[in-house]
Amino acid sequence: MLPEPSPGVLPHTGEPEGGLPYRLFVSGESSEVNPQRLVVWLHPSGSDGLELVEPLAEDFVRRGFALLTLSRKNFADWKGADANRVMAKVLPDAARVPGVDARRPVLLGFSAGAQMALELWSARPDAFSGLVLLAGAPRFSRGDELTPPRGTAYTRVPMLAVVGEDDGDGPALWRKAQETWSAAGVPLQTRVVSDLGHEWLLKEPTEREAMLAWLAALPPVQ
């Protein structure tokens, strides 16, 4: 069941054939002339994370972004087939909702969701306009903190990585990635959150506002 929508936020549901059921939160004032860009939530292992991210729908909408979440799947983990269904079935279906611009969405991933966001970016950088990586690590099947993928397409996708100060070797890995990925032209910004570990980092108002400001500053989709 959808949460009670905030004033000005219209909730939609979809269940495309061959895809995954989803929820979509968009401004009631958006239109084809003034559409909202899409943020796609990629959940952590073992949880849909809806109680974490859906309360932020109004904040996203206020800054010009619609929020898409998955309402029903196996939330134990992420598989390549899941990601393919999101890209091939869910996004085209969501694009039919009036006032939603689903071209080159922003991926918002938490923990395992952050790792899936990196996998999708490494395979198809031209498909996305930004990545927000919460409590992830700069490691994926095609590279790591020392060896980012190279090519012009990767230099066009801004990336925000937020990690807890006490999240194992995460801060050190992102510091190294800040050096090597930036040298390769990847527009990476990192933030280390004091006194937090491997957990929901946007519970901190400062980090939440920093993430929203980063989104609002993204270049327009071309």
N, C-alpha and C. Protein backbone atom coordinates (compact mmCIF):
# COMPACT_ATOMS: atom_id res chain seq x y z
N MET A 1 0.84 -1.19 0.00
CA MET A 1 0.00 0.00 0.00
C MET A 1 0.88 1.24 0.00
N LEU A 2 0.53 2.21 -0.87
CA LEU A 2 1.31 3.44 -0.94
C LEU A 2 1.19 4.26 0.33
N PRO A 3 2.28 4.93 0.77
CA PRO A 3 2.17 5.82 1.91
C PRO A 3 1.28 7.01 1.55
N GLU A 4 0.77 7.68 2.55
CA GLU A 4 -0.05 8.85 2.32
C GLU A 4 0.79 9.90 1.59
N PRO A 5 0.37 10.32 0.39
CA PRO A 5 1.19 11.27 -0.36
C PRO A 5 1.19 12.65 0.28
N SER A 6 2.30 13.35 0.12
CA SER A 6 2.38 14.72 0.60
C SER A 6 1.63 15.62 -0.37
N PRO A 7 1.20 16.78 0.09
CA PRO A 7 0.53 17.72 -0.80
C PRO A 7 1.41 18.05 -2.00
N GLY A 8 0.84 17.98 -3.19
CA GLY A 8 1.60 18.29 -4.39
C GLY A 8 2.35 17.12 -4.98
N VAL A 9 2.34 15.94 -4.32
CA VAL A 9 3.03 14.75 -4.82
C VAL A 9 1.99 13.73 -5.25
N LEU A 10 2.04 13.34 -6.51
CA LEU A 10 1.09 12.35 -7.02
C LEU A 10 1.75 10.98 -7.05
N PRO A 11 1.20 9.98 -6.36
CA PRO A 11 1.75 8.63 -6.41
C PRO A 11 1.12 7.84 -7.56
N HIS A 12 1.95 7.07 -8.25
CA HIS A 12 1.49 6.18 -9.30
C HIS A 12 2.01 4.79 -8.99
N THR A 13 1.35 3.78 -9.53
CA THR A 13 1.86 2.41 -9.46
C THR A 13 1.88 1.84 -10.86
N GLY A 14 2.79 0.92 -11.09
CA GLY A 14 2.88 0.25 -12.38
C GLY A 14 3.35 -1.18 -12.21
N GLU A 15 2.97 -2.02 -13.14
CA GLU A 15 3.40 -3.43 -13.14
C GLU A 15 3.53 -3.88 -14.59
N PRO A 16 4.60 -3.45 -15.26
CA PRO A 16 4.75 -3.77 -16.67
C PRO A 16 4.96 -5.27 -16.90
N GLU A 17 4.43 -5.76 -17.98
CA GLU A 17 4.59 -7.18 -18.31
C GLU A 17 6.08 -7.48 -18.50
N GLY A 18 6.54 -8.50 -17.81
CA GLY A 18 7.94 -8.88 -17.89
C GLY A 18 8.87 -8.03 -17.04
N GLY A 19 8.29 -7.03 -16.34
CA GLY A 19 9.12 -6.16 -15.52
C GLY A 19 8.92 -6.40 -14.04
N LEU A 20 8.99 -5.35 -13.25
CA LEU A 20 8.82 -5.42 -11.81
C LEU A 20 7.80 -4.37 -11.38
N PRO A 21 6.96 -4.67 -10.38
CA PRO A 21 6.04 -3.66 -9.88
C PRO A 21 6.82 -2.48 -9.27
N TYR A 22 6.31 -1.29 -9.51
CA TYR A 22 7.02 -0.12 -9.02
C TYR A 22 6.04 0.92 -8.50
N ARG A 23 6.61 1.87 -7.73
CA ARG A 23 5.90 3.06 -7.27
C ARG A 23 6.62 4.27 -7.85
N LEU A 24 5.86 5.28 -8.18
CA LEU A 24 6.43 6.48 -8.77
C LEU A 24 5.78 7.69 -8.12
N PHE A 25 6.62 8.61 -7.65
CA PHE A 25 6.16 9.82 -6.99
C PHE A 25 6.58 11.01 -7.84
N VAL A 26 5.62 11.81 -8.28
CA VAL A 26 5.90 12.91 -9.20
C VAL A 26 5.08 14.13 -8.79
N SER A 27 5.55 15.30 -9.15
CA SER A 27 4.83 16.52 -8.81
C SER A 27 3.50 16.60 -9.55
N GLY A 28 2.49 17.10 -8.87
CA GLY A 28 1.21 17.32 -9.51
C GLY A 28 1.26 18.47 -10.50
N GLU A 29 2.34 19.25 -10.49
CA GLU A 29 2.48 20.38 -11.40
C GLU A 29 3.37 20.07 -12.59
N SER A 30 3.93 18.86 -12.67
CA SER A 30 4.78 18.52 -13.80
C SER A 30 3.93 18.29 -15.05
N SER A 31 4.56 18.43 -16.21
CA SER A 31 3.85 18.27 -17.47
C SER A 31 4.86 17.93 -18.55
N GLU A 32 4.38 17.69 -19.77
CA GLU A 32 5.30 17.43 -20.87
C GLU A 32 6.20 18.63 -21.12
N VAL A 33 5.68 19.81 -20.91
CA VAL A 33 6.47 21.03 -21.11
C VAL A 33 7.46 21.24 -19.97
N ASN A 34 7.07 20.84 -18.76
CA ASN A 34 7.90 21.02 -17.57
C ASN A 34 7.99 19.68 -16.82
N PRO A 35 8.71 18.70 -17.39
CA PRO A 35 8.75 17.37 -16.78
C PRO A 35 9.74 17.30 -15.62
N GLN A 36 9.61 16.25 -14.83
CA GLN A 36 10.55 15.99 -13.74
C GLN A 36 11.49 14.86 -14.14
N ARG A 37 12.76 15.07 -13.85
CA ARG A 37 13.75 14.02 -14.09
C ARG A 37 13.53 12.88 -13.11
N LEU A 38 14.05 11.72 -13.46
CA LEU A 38 13.77 10.51 -12.68
C LEU A 38 14.97 10.10 -11.83
N VAL A 39 14.69 9.82 -10.56
CA VAL A 39 15.64 9.18 -9.65
C VAL A 39 15.15 7.76 -9.41
N VAL A 40 16.02 6.77 -9.64
CA VAL A 40 15.67 5.36 -9.48
C VAL A 40 16.35 4.81 -8.23
N TRP A 41 15.57 4.33 -7.29
CA TRP A 41 16.07 3.76 -6.04
C TRP A 41 16.50 2.32 -6.25
N LEU A 42 17.73 1.99 -5.83
CA LEU A 42 18.26 0.63 -5.86
C LEU A 42 18.50 0.21 -4.41
N HIS A 43 17.72 -0.76 -3.95
CA HIS A 43 17.64 -1.11 -2.53
C HIS A 43 18.87 -1.86 -2.03
N PRO A 44 19.08 -1.90 -0.71
CA PRO A 44 20.16 -2.71 -0.12
C PRO A 44 19.75 -4.17 -0.06
N SER A 45 20.70 -5.04 0.27
CA SER A 45 20.37 -6.46 0.43
C SER A 45 19.47 -6.66 1.64
N GLY A 46 18.43 -7.46 1.46
CA GLY A 46 17.59 -7.86 2.58
C GLY A 46 16.47 -6.92 2.92
N SER A 47 16.32 -5.81 2.17
CA SER A 47 15.27 -4.85 2.50
C SER A 47 14.90 -4.06 1.26
N ASP A 48 13.61 -3.71 1.15
CA ASP A 48 13.22 -2.82 0.06
C ASP A 48 13.65 -1.38 0.31
N GLY A 49 13.91 -1.04 1.58
CA GLY A 49 14.37 0.30 1.92
C GLY A 49 13.33 1.39 1.70
N LEU A 50 12.07 1.00 1.50
CA LEU A 50 11.06 2.00 1.18
C LEU A 50 10.82 2.96 2.35
N GLU A 51 10.94 2.45 3.57
CA GLU A 51 10.72 3.32 4.73
C GLU A 51 11.83 4.36 4.88
N LEU A 52 12.96 4.14 4.20
CA LEU A 52 14.06 5.09 4.22
C LEU A 52 13.92 6.15 3.15
N VAL A 53 13.62 5.72 1.92
CA VAL A 53 13.69 6.64 0.79
C VAL A 53 12.36 7.29 0.43
N GLU A 54 11.24 6.59 0.61
CA GLU A 54 9.98 7.18 0.17
C GLU A 54 9.57 8.42 0.97
N PRO A 55 9.96 8.53 2.25
CA PRO A 55 9.68 9.80 2.94
C PRO A 55 10.40 11.01 2.33
N LEU A 56 11.39 10.76 1.45
CA LEU A 56 12.10 11.85 0.81
C LEU A 56 11.46 12.27 -0.51
N ALA A 57 10.36 11.62 -0.89
CA ALA A 57 9.76 11.89 -2.19
C ALA A 57 9.43 13.37 -2.37
N GLU A 58 8.89 13.99 -1.33
CA GLU A 58 8.54 15.41 -1.43
C GLU A 58 9.77 16.27 -1.64
N ASP A 59 10.89 15.92 -0.97
CA ASP A 59 12.13 16.66 -1.16
C ASP A 59 12.63 16.55 -2.60
N PHE A 60 12.55 15.34 -3.16
CA PHE A 60 12.96 15.15 -4.55
C PHE A 60 12.08 15.98 -5.48
N VAL A 61 10.77 15.86 -5.29
CA VAL A 61 9.82 16.55 -6.16
C VAL A 61 10.04 18.06 -6.12
N ARG A 62 10.31 18.58 -4.94
CA ARG A 62 10.51 20.02 -4.79
C ARG A 62 11.71 20.51 -5.59
N ARG A 63 12.65 19.61 -5.85
CA ARG A 63 13.85 19.99 -6.59
C ARG A 63 13.82 19.52 -8.04
N GLY A 64 12.65 19.10 -8.48
CA GLY A 64 12.49 18.78 -9.90
C GLY A 64 12.72 17.34 -10.28
N PHE A 65 12.66 16.42 -9.30
CA PHE A 65 12.91 15.01 -9.57
C PHE A 65 11.73 14.14 -9.12
N ALA A 66 11.34 13.22 -9.98
CA ALA A 66 10.40 12.18 -9.59
C ALA A 66 11.19 11.02 -9.00
N LEU A 67 10.58 10.27 -8.09
CA LEU A 67 11.25 9.15 -7.43
C LEU A 67 10.56 7.85 -7.81
N LEU A 68 11.35 6.88 -8.25
CA LEU A 68 10.83 5.55 -8.59
C LEU A 68 11.42 4.53 -7.63
N THR A 69 10.55 3.72 -7.02
CA THR A 69 10.98 2.64 -6.14
C THR A 69 10.34 1.34 -6.59
N LEU A 70 10.94 0.23 -6.22
CA LEU A 70 10.39 -1.09 -6.55
C LEU A 70 9.59 -1.60 -5.37
N SER A 71 8.36 -2.00 -5.62
CA SER A 71 7.47 -2.37 -4.52
C SER A 71 7.40 -3.86 -4.27
N ARG A 72 7.85 -4.67 -5.26
CA ARG A 72 7.73 -6.11 -5.06
C ARG A 72 8.77 -6.84 -5.92
N LYS A 73 9.72 -7.48 -5.26
CA LYS A 73 10.72 -8.33 -5.90
C LYS A 73 11.39 -9.13 -4.80
N ASN A 74 12.35 -9.93 -5.14
CA ASN A 74 13.16 -10.60 -4.12
C ASN A 74 14.20 -9.60 -3.64
N PHE A 75 14.00 -9.08 -2.43
CA PHE A 75 14.88 -8.04 -1.91
C PHE A 75 16.10 -8.60 -1.19
N ALA A 76 16.31 -9.91 -1.27
CA ALA A 76 17.48 -10.50 -0.60
C ALA A 76 18.78 -10.00 -1.22
N ASP A 77 18.73 -9.73 -2.54
CA ASP A 77 19.95 -9.29 -3.22
C ASP A 77 19.58 -8.68 -4.56
N TRP A 78 20.61 -8.35 -5.34
CA TRP A 78 20.44 -7.88 -6.70
C TRP A 78 21.05 -8.88 -7.66
N LYS A 79 20.33 -9.19 -8.73
CA LYS A 79 20.85 -10.04 -9.79
C LYS A 79 20.82 -9.25 -11.10
N GLY A 80 21.65 -9.67 -12.02
CA GLY A 80 21.67 -8.99 -13.30
C GLY A 80 20.32 -8.98 -13.99
N ALA A 81 19.57 -10.08 -13.83
CA ALA A 81 18.25 -10.15 -14.45
C ALA A 81 17.31 -9.11 -13.87
N ASP A 82 17.44 -8.84 -12.55
CA ASP A 82 16.61 -7.80 -11.92
C ASP A 82 16.91 -6.44 -12.56
N ALA A 83 18.19 -6.12 -12.68
CA ALA A 83 18.58 -4.83 -13.23
C ALA A 83 18.13 -4.70 -14.68
N ASN A 84 18.22 -5.79 -15.44
CA ASN A 84 17.77 -5.75 -16.83
C ASN A 84 16.27 -5.48 -16.92
N ARG A 85 15.51 -6.05 -16.02
CA ARG A 85 14.06 -5.81 -16.03
C ARG A 85 13.73 -4.36 -15.69
N VAL A 86 14.51 -3.79 -14.78
CA VAL A 86 14.32 -2.37 -14.46
C VAL A 86 14.59 -1.51 -15.68
N MET A 87 15.72 -1.77 -16.34
CA MET A 87 16.12 -0.93 -17.48
C MET A 87 15.22 -1.14 -18.69
N ALA A 88 14.89 -2.39 -18.99
CA ALA A 88 14.18 -2.69 -20.24
C ALA A 88 12.67 -2.60 -20.12
N LYS A 89 12.13 -2.78 -18.91
CA LYS A 89 10.68 -2.82 -18.77
C LYS A 89 10.13 -1.70 -17.87
N VAL A 90 10.75 -1.51 -16.71
CA VAL A 90 10.21 -0.55 -15.75
C VAL A 90 10.37 0.89 -16.26
N LEU A 91 11.58 1.24 -16.69
CA LEU A 91 11.81 2.63 -17.11
C LEU A 91 10.93 3.04 -18.30
N PRO A 92 10.81 2.22 -19.36
CA PRO A 92 9.90 2.61 -20.45
C PRO A 92 8.46 2.76 -19.99
N ASP A 93 8.03 1.94 -19.03
CA ASP A 93 6.67 2.07 -18.52
C ASP A 93 6.50 3.36 -17.73
N ALA A 94 7.48 3.67 -16.90
CA ALA A 94 7.41 4.91 -16.11
C ALA A 94 7.46 6.13 -17.00
N ALA A 95 8.15 6.02 -18.13
CA ALA A 95 8.26 7.17 -19.04
C ALA A 95 6.91 7.56 -19.63
N ARG A 96 5.94 6.66 -19.57
CA ARG A 96 4.61 6.98 -20.10
C ARG A 96 3.77 7.78 -19.12
N VAL A 97 4.22 7.91 -17.89
CA VAL A 97 3.49 8.73 -16.91
C VAL A 97 3.66 10.20 -17.28
N PRO A 98 2.58 10.94 -17.41
CA PRO A 98 2.69 12.35 -17.80
C PRO A 98 3.58 13.14 -16.84
N GLY A 99 4.48 13.93 -17.41
CA GLY A 99 5.32 14.78 -16.59
C GLY A 99 6.59 14.14 -16.08
N VAL A 100 6.93 12.92 -16.57
CA VAL A 100 8.15 12.24 -16.14
C VAL A 100 9.12 12.15 -17.31
N ASP A 101 10.34 12.60 -17.09
CA ASP A 101 11.41 12.49 -18.07
C ASP A 101 12.33 11.36 -17.62
N ALA A 102 12.18 10.19 -18.25
CA ALA A 102 12.94 9.01 -17.85
C ALA A 102 14.22 8.83 -18.65
N ARG A 103 14.56 9.81 -19.47
CA ARG A 103 15.83 9.72 -20.19
C ARG A 103 16.99 9.87 -19.22
N ARG A 104 17.95 9.01 -19.32
CA ARG A 104 19.17 9.09 -18.52
C ARG A 104 18.86 9.41 -17.05
N PRO A 105 18.19 8.49 -16.36
CA PRO A 105 17.84 8.74 -14.96
C PRO A 105 19.07 8.78 -14.06
N VAL A 106 18.86 9.28 -12.84
CA VAL A 106 19.87 9.24 -11.79
C VAL A 106 19.63 7.96 -10.98
N LEU A 107 20.69 7.22 -10.71
CA LEU A 107 20.59 6.03 -9.87
C LEU A 107 20.96 6.39 -8.45
N LEU A 108 20.10 6.01 -7.50
CA LEU A 108 20.35 6.23 -6.08
C LEU A 108 20.42 4.87 -5.41
N GLY A 109 21.63 4.43 -5.07
CA GLY A 109 21.82 3.09 -4.53
C GLY A 109 22.38 3.11 -3.12
N PHE A 110 21.88 2.20 -2.30
CA PHE A 110 22.32 2.07 -0.92
C PHE A 110 22.92 0.68 -0.72
N SER A 111 24.18 0.60 -0.28
CA SER A 111 24.86 -0.65 0.01
C SER A 111 24.89 -1.53 -1.25
N ALA A 112 24.24 -2.69 -1.26
CA ALA A 112 24.23 -3.53 -2.46
C ALA A 112 23.64 -2.80 -3.65
N GLY A 113 22.70 -1.90 -3.38
CA GLY A 113 22.15 -1.09 -4.46
C GLY A 113 23.18 -0.16 -5.07
N ALA A 114 24.10 0.34 -4.25
CA ALA A 114 25.19 1.18 -4.77
C ALA A 114 26.10 0.37 -5.67
N GLN A 115 26.35 -0.89 -5.29
CA GLN A 115 27.20 -1.73 -6.12
C GLN A 115 26.53 -2.04 -7.46
N MET A 116 25.20 -2.26 -7.44
CA MET A 116 24.49 -2.49 -8.69
C MET A 116 24.50 -1.23 -9.55
N ALA A 117 24.41 -0.05 -8.93
CA ALA A 117 24.49 1.19 -9.69
C ALA A 117 25.83 1.29 -10.42
N LEU A 118 26.91 0.91 -9.75
CA LEU A 118 28.22 0.94 -10.38
C LEU A 118 28.30 -0.05 -11.53
N GLU A 119 27.71 -1.24 -11.36
CA GLU A 119 27.70 -2.22 -12.45
C GLU A 119 26.96 -1.68 -13.67
N LEU A 120 25.81 -1.07 -13.45
CA LEU A 120 25.04 -0.52 -14.56
C LEU A 120 25.80 0.61 -15.24
N TRP A 121 26.39 1.49 -14.44
CA TRP A 121 27.18 2.60 -14.99
C TRP A 121 28.36 2.10 -15.80
N SER A 122 29.05 1.09 -15.29
CA SER A 122 30.23 0.59 -16.00
C SER A 122 29.86 -0.06 -17.32
N ALA A 123 28.66 -0.66 -17.39
CA ALA A 123 28.22 -1.32 -18.61
C ALA A 123 27.62 -0.34 -19.61
N ARG A 124 26.89 0.69 -19.11
CA ARG A 124 26.19 1.62 -20.01
C ARG A 124 26.22 3.04 -19.45
N PRO A 125 27.38 3.67 -19.45
CA PRO A 125 27.46 5.01 -18.86
C PRO A 125 26.58 6.03 -19.55
N ASP A 126 26.33 5.84 -20.84
CA ASP A 126 25.51 6.81 -21.57
C ASP A 126 24.04 6.74 -21.20
N ALA A 127 23.64 5.75 -20.39
CA ALA A 127 22.23 5.59 -20.02
C ALA A 127 21.85 6.41 -18.80
N PHE A 128 22.82 7.03 -18.11
CA PHE A 128 22.55 7.68 -16.83
C PHE A 128 23.11 9.09 -16.79
N SER A 129 22.46 9.95 -16.00
CA SER A 129 22.93 11.32 -15.87
C SER A 129 23.56 11.60 -14.51
N GLY A 130 23.60 10.60 -13.63
CA GLY A 130 24.24 10.77 -12.34
C GLY A 130 24.07 9.53 -11.49
N LEU A 131 24.98 9.36 -10.51
CA LEU A 131 24.91 8.27 -9.54
C LEU A 131 25.08 8.83 -8.14
N VAL A 132 24.22 8.41 -7.22
CA VAL A 132 24.40 8.67 -5.80
C VAL A 132 24.64 7.32 -5.14
N LEU A 133 25.80 7.16 -4.52
CA LEU A 133 26.22 5.88 -3.95
C LEU A 133 26.34 6.03 -2.44
N LEU A 134 25.45 5.38 -1.72
CA LEU A 134 25.42 5.46 -0.26
C LEU A 134 25.95 4.16 0.33
N ALA A 135 26.99 4.26 1.17
CA ALA A 135 27.56 3.10 1.86
C ALA A 135 27.97 2.01 0.88
N GLY A 136 28.50 2.42 -0.26
CA GLY A 136 29.03 1.48 -1.24
C GLY A 136 30.54 1.46 -1.19
N ALA A 137 31.13 0.80 -2.17
CA ALA A 137 32.58 0.75 -2.30
C ALA A 137 32.93 0.91 -3.78
N PRO A 138 34.06 1.52 -4.09
CA PRO A 138 34.44 1.73 -5.48
C PRO A 138 35.01 0.48 -6.13
N ARG A 139 34.21 -0.56 -6.15
CA ARG A 139 34.64 -1.84 -6.72
C ARG A 139 33.48 -2.47 -7.47
N PHE A 140 33.78 -2.99 -8.66
CA PHE A 140 32.76 -3.60 -9.51
C PHE A 140 33.47 -4.52 -10.47
N SER A 141 32.70 -5.24 -11.30
CA SER A 141 33.29 -6.30 -12.11
C SER A 141 34.29 -5.80 -13.14
N ARG A 142 34.19 -4.53 -13.55
CA ARG A 142 35.09 -4.01 -14.57
C ARG A 142 36.19 -3.11 -14.00
N GLY A 143 36.26 -2.96 -12.68
CA GLY A 143 37.28 -2.08 -12.13
C GLY A 143 37.21 -1.96 -10.63
N ASP A 144 38.05 -1.10 -10.08
CA ASP A 144 38.09 -0.88 -8.64
C ASP A 144 38.61 0.52 -8.37
N GLU A 145 39.00 0.78 -7.13
CA GLU A 145 39.41 2.13 -6.75
C GLU A 145 40.67 2.59 -7.49
N LEU A 146 41.43 1.64 -8.02
CA LEU A 146 42.66 1.99 -8.74
C LEU A 146 42.48 2.01 -10.25
N THR A 147 41.47 1.30 -10.75
CA THR A 147 41.33 1.14 -12.20
C THR A 147 39.89 1.43 -12.64
N PRO A 148 39.54 2.70 -12.75
CA PRO A 148 38.20 3.04 -13.24
C PRO A 148 38.08 2.74 -14.72
N PRO A 149 36.86 2.55 -15.22
CA PRO A 149 36.70 2.42 -16.67
C PRO A 149 37.08 3.72 -17.34
N ARG A 150 37.59 3.62 -18.55
CA ARG A 150 38.05 4.82 -19.25
C ARG A 150 37.26 5.01 -20.54
N GLY A 151 37.04 6.25 -20.86
CA GLY A 151 36.30 6.59 -22.06
C GLY A 151 35.51 7.85 -21.83
N THR A 152 35.21 8.54 -22.91
CA THR A 152 34.52 9.83 -22.79
C THR A 152 33.19 9.72 -22.08
N ALA A 153 32.46 8.63 -22.33
CA ALA A 153 31.13 8.49 -21.74
C ALA A 153 31.19 8.51 -20.22
N TYR A 154 32.25 7.98 -19.64
CA TYR A 154 32.36 7.93 -18.17
C TYR A 154 32.64 9.30 -17.57
N THR A 155 33.14 10.20 -18.36
CA THR A 155 33.44 11.54 -17.86
C THR A 155 32.20 12.43 -17.87
N ARG A 156 31.10 11.92 -18.36
CA ARG A 156 29.87 12.71 -18.48
C ARG A 156 28.83 12.36 -17.42
N VAL A 157 29.19 11.49 -16.48
CA VAL A 157 28.23 11.05 -15.46
C VAL A 157 28.73 11.47 -14.08
N PRO A 158 28.24 12.58 -13.55
CA PRO A 158 28.63 12.98 -12.20
C PRO A 158 28.26 11.92 -11.17
N MET A 159 29.09 11.80 -10.16
CA MET A 159 28.91 10.75 -9.15
C MET A 159 29.15 11.33 -7.76
N LEU A 160 28.24 11.01 -6.84
CA LEU A 160 28.38 11.41 -5.44
C LEU A 160 28.44 10.14 -4.60
N ALA A 161 29.55 9.95 -3.90
CA ALA A 161 29.72 8.79 -3.01
C ALA A 161 29.75 9.27 -1.57
N VAL A 162 28.86 8.72 -0.75
CA VAL A 162 28.77 9.08 0.67
C VAL A 162 29.05 7.82 1.48
N VAL A 163 30.00 7.90 2.40
CA VAL A 163 30.40 6.73 3.18
C VAL A 163 30.57 7.12 4.64
N GLY A 164 30.26 6.20 5.54
CA GLY A 164 30.43 6.45 6.96
C GLY A 164 31.89 6.37 7.36
N GLU A 165 32.28 7.23 8.28
CA GLU A 165 33.66 7.26 8.77
C GLU A 165 34.10 5.91 9.34
N ASP A 166 33.14 5.17 9.95
CA ASP A 166 33.46 3.91 10.60
C ASP A 166 33.03 2.70 9.77
N ASP A 167 32.88 2.90 8.45
CA ASP A 167 32.46 1.82 7.56
C ASP A 167 33.67 1.08 7.01
N GLY A 168 34.39 0.39 7.90
CA GLY A 168 35.54 -0.42 7.50
C GLY A 168 36.56 0.36 6.70
N ASP A 169 37.00 -0.24 5.57
CA ASP A 169 37.99 0.45 4.73
C ASP A 169 37.34 1.32 3.67
N GLY A 170 36.01 1.52 3.78
CA GLY A 170 35.30 2.32 2.80
C GLY A 170 35.88 3.71 2.59
N PRO A 171 36.11 4.50 3.67
CA PRO A 171 36.67 5.84 3.46
C PRO A 171 38.01 5.83 2.73
N ALA A 172 38.89 4.88 3.09
CA ALA A 172 40.20 4.83 2.44
C ALA A 172 40.06 4.48 0.96
N LEU A 173 39.14 3.56 0.65
CA LEU A 173 38.93 3.18 -0.75
C LEU A 173 38.42 4.37 -1.57
N TRP A 174 37.50 5.13 -0.99
CA TRP A 174 36.97 6.27 -1.73
C TRP A 174 37.99 7.39 -1.85
N ARG A 175 38.86 7.54 -0.86
CA ARG A 175 39.92 8.54 -0.99
C ARG A 175 40.83 8.20 -2.16
N LYS A 176 41.16 6.92 -2.29
CA LYS A 176 42.00 6.50 -3.41
C LYS A 176 41.26 6.69 -4.73
N ALA A 177 39.97 6.32 -4.74
CA ALA A 177 39.19 6.51 -5.96
C ALA A 177 39.08 7.98 -6.34
N GLN A 178 38.99 8.86 -5.33
CA GLN A 178 38.92 10.29 -5.61
C GLN A 178 40.15 10.73 -6.41
N GLU A 179 41.29 10.13 -6.12
CA GLU A 179 42.51 10.47 -6.85
C GLU A 179 42.52 9.86 -8.25
N THR A 180 42.35 8.54 -8.30
CA THR A 180 42.54 7.84 -9.57
C THR A 180 41.37 8.02 -10.53
N TRP A 181 40.15 8.00 -10.02
CA TRP A 181 39.01 8.19 -10.91
C TRP A 181 38.97 9.62 -11.43
N SER A 182 39.25 10.59 -10.57
CA SER A 182 39.28 11.98 -11.02
C SER A 182 40.36 12.18 -12.07
N ALA A 183 41.50 11.53 -11.89
CA ALA A 183 42.57 11.63 -12.88
C ALA A 183 42.14 11.06 -14.22
N ALA A 184 41.24 10.08 -14.19
CA ALA A 184 40.73 9.48 -15.43
C ALA A 184 39.57 10.28 -16.01
N GLY A 185 39.18 11.37 -15.33
CA GLY A 185 38.12 12.22 -15.85
C GLY A 185 36.74 11.94 -15.31
N VAL A 186 36.61 10.97 -14.38
CA VAL A 186 35.31 10.67 -13.79
C VAL A 186 34.96 11.78 -12.80
N PRO A 187 33.82 12.46 -12.96
CA PRO A 187 33.45 13.55 -12.07
C PRO A 187 32.91 13.04 -10.74
N LEU A 188 33.81 12.65 -9.86
CA LEU A 188 33.46 12.04 -8.58
C LEU A 188 33.59 13.04 -7.44
N GLN A 189 32.57 13.08 -6.60
CA GLN A 189 32.62 13.85 -5.35
C GLN A 189 32.39 12.87 -4.21
N THR A 190 33.21 12.92 -3.17
CA THR A 190 33.06 12.02 -2.03
C THR A 190 32.78 12.81 -0.76
N ARG A 191 32.01 12.18 0.12
CA ARG A 191 31.72 12.75 1.44
C ARG A 191 31.85 11.64 2.47
N VAL A 192 32.56 11.92 3.55
CA VAL A 192 32.72 10.98 4.66
C VAL A 192 31.94 11.53 5.85
N VAL A 193 31.03 10.70 6.38
CA VAL A 193 30.14 11.13 7.45
C VAL A 193 30.70 10.70 8.80
N SER A 194 30.98 11.66 9.66
CA SER A 194 31.58 11.38 10.96
C SER A 194 30.66 10.53 11.84
N ASP A 195 31.28 9.61 12.57
CA ASP A 195 30.61 8.84 13.63
C ASP A 195 29.55 7.86 13.12
N LEU A 196 29.50 7.61 11.83
CA LEU A 196 28.55 6.63 11.30
C LEU A 196 29.30 5.51 10.60
N GLY A 197 28.68 4.32 10.57
CA GLY A 197 29.28 3.17 9.92
C GLY A 197 28.52 2.81 8.66
N HIS A 198 28.27 1.49 8.50
CA HIS A 198 27.56 1.00 7.32
C HIS A 198 26.07 1.08 7.61
N GLU A 199 25.48 2.22 7.32
CA GLU A 199 24.09 2.47 7.69
C GLU A 199 23.50 3.54 6.79
N TRP A 200 22.24 3.89 7.05
CA TRP A 200 21.53 4.88 6.26
C TRP A 200 22.08 6.27 6.57
N LEU A 201 22.86 6.80 5.66
CA LEU A 201 23.60 8.03 5.91
C LEU A 201 22.76 9.29 5.73
N LEU A 202 21.65 9.18 5.01
CA LEU A 202 20.82 10.36 4.79
C LEU A 202 19.92 10.69 5.97
N LYS A 203 20.06 9.94 7.06
CA LYS A 203 19.34 10.33 8.27
C LYS A 203 19.94 11.61 8.86
N GLU A 204 21.17 11.91 8.45
CA GLU A 204 21.81 13.14 8.88
C GLU A 204 21.30 14.29 8.00
N PRO A 205 20.65 15.30 8.58
CA PRO A 205 20.11 16.39 7.76
C PRO A 205 21.15 17.05 6.86
N THR A 206 22.38 17.19 7.34
CA THR A 206 23.42 17.82 6.52
C THR A 206 23.69 17.01 5.27
N GLU A 207 23.75 15.69 5.42
CA GLU A 207 24.02 14.84 4.26
C GLU A 207 22.84 14.80 3.31
N ARG A 208 21.64 14.81 3.87
CA ARG A 208 20.44 14.81 3.04
C ARG A 208 20.39 16.08 2.19
N GLU A 209 20.64 17.21 2.82
CA GLU A 209 20.59 18.47 2.08
C GLU A 209 21.73 18.56 1.06
N ALA A 210 22.90 18.03 1.41
CA ALA A 210 24.02 18.04 0.47
C ALA A 210 23.69 17.20 -0.76
N MET A 211 23.07 16.04 -0.55
CA MET A 211 22.69 15.19 -1.67
C MET A 211 21.65 15.88 -2.56
N LEU A 212 20.65 16.51 -1.95
CA LEU A 212 19.61 17.19 -2.71
C LEU A 212 20.19 18.37 -3.49
N ALA A 213 21.12 19.09 -2.89
CA ALA A 213 21.77 20.20 -3.59
C ALA A 213 22.60 19.70 -4.76
N TRP A 214 23.26 18.57 -4.57
CA TRP A 214 24.05 17.97 -5.65
C TRP A 214 23.14 17.59 -6.81
N LEU A 215 22.00 17.00 -6.52
CA LEU A 215 21.05 16.65 -7.56
C LEU A 215 20.59 17.88 -8.32
N ALA A 216 20.23 18.91 -7.58
CA ALA A 216 19.70 20.12 -8.20
C ALA A 216 20.72 20.79 -9.11
N ALA A 217 22.01 20.55 -8.86
CA ALA A 217 23.07 21.18 -9.65
C ALA A 217 23.49 20.35 -10.86
N LEU A 218 22.89 19.19 -11.07
CA LEU A 218 23.27 18.35 -12.22
C LEU A 218 22.97 19.08 -13.53
N PRO A 219 23.81 18.88 -14.53
CA PRO A 219 23.54 19.48 -15.84
C PRO A 219 22.25 18.93 -16.43
N PRO A 220 21.58 19.72 -17.25
CA PRO A 220 20.35 19.24 -17.89
C PRO A 220 20.62 17.99 -18.75
N VAL A 221 19.61 17.14 -18.87
CA VAL A 221 19.73 15.96 -19.73
C VAL A 221 19.72 16.41 -21.18
N GLN A 222 20.69 15.93 -21.93
CA GLN A 222 20.78 16.27 -23.36
C GLN A 222 20.22 15.15 -24.22
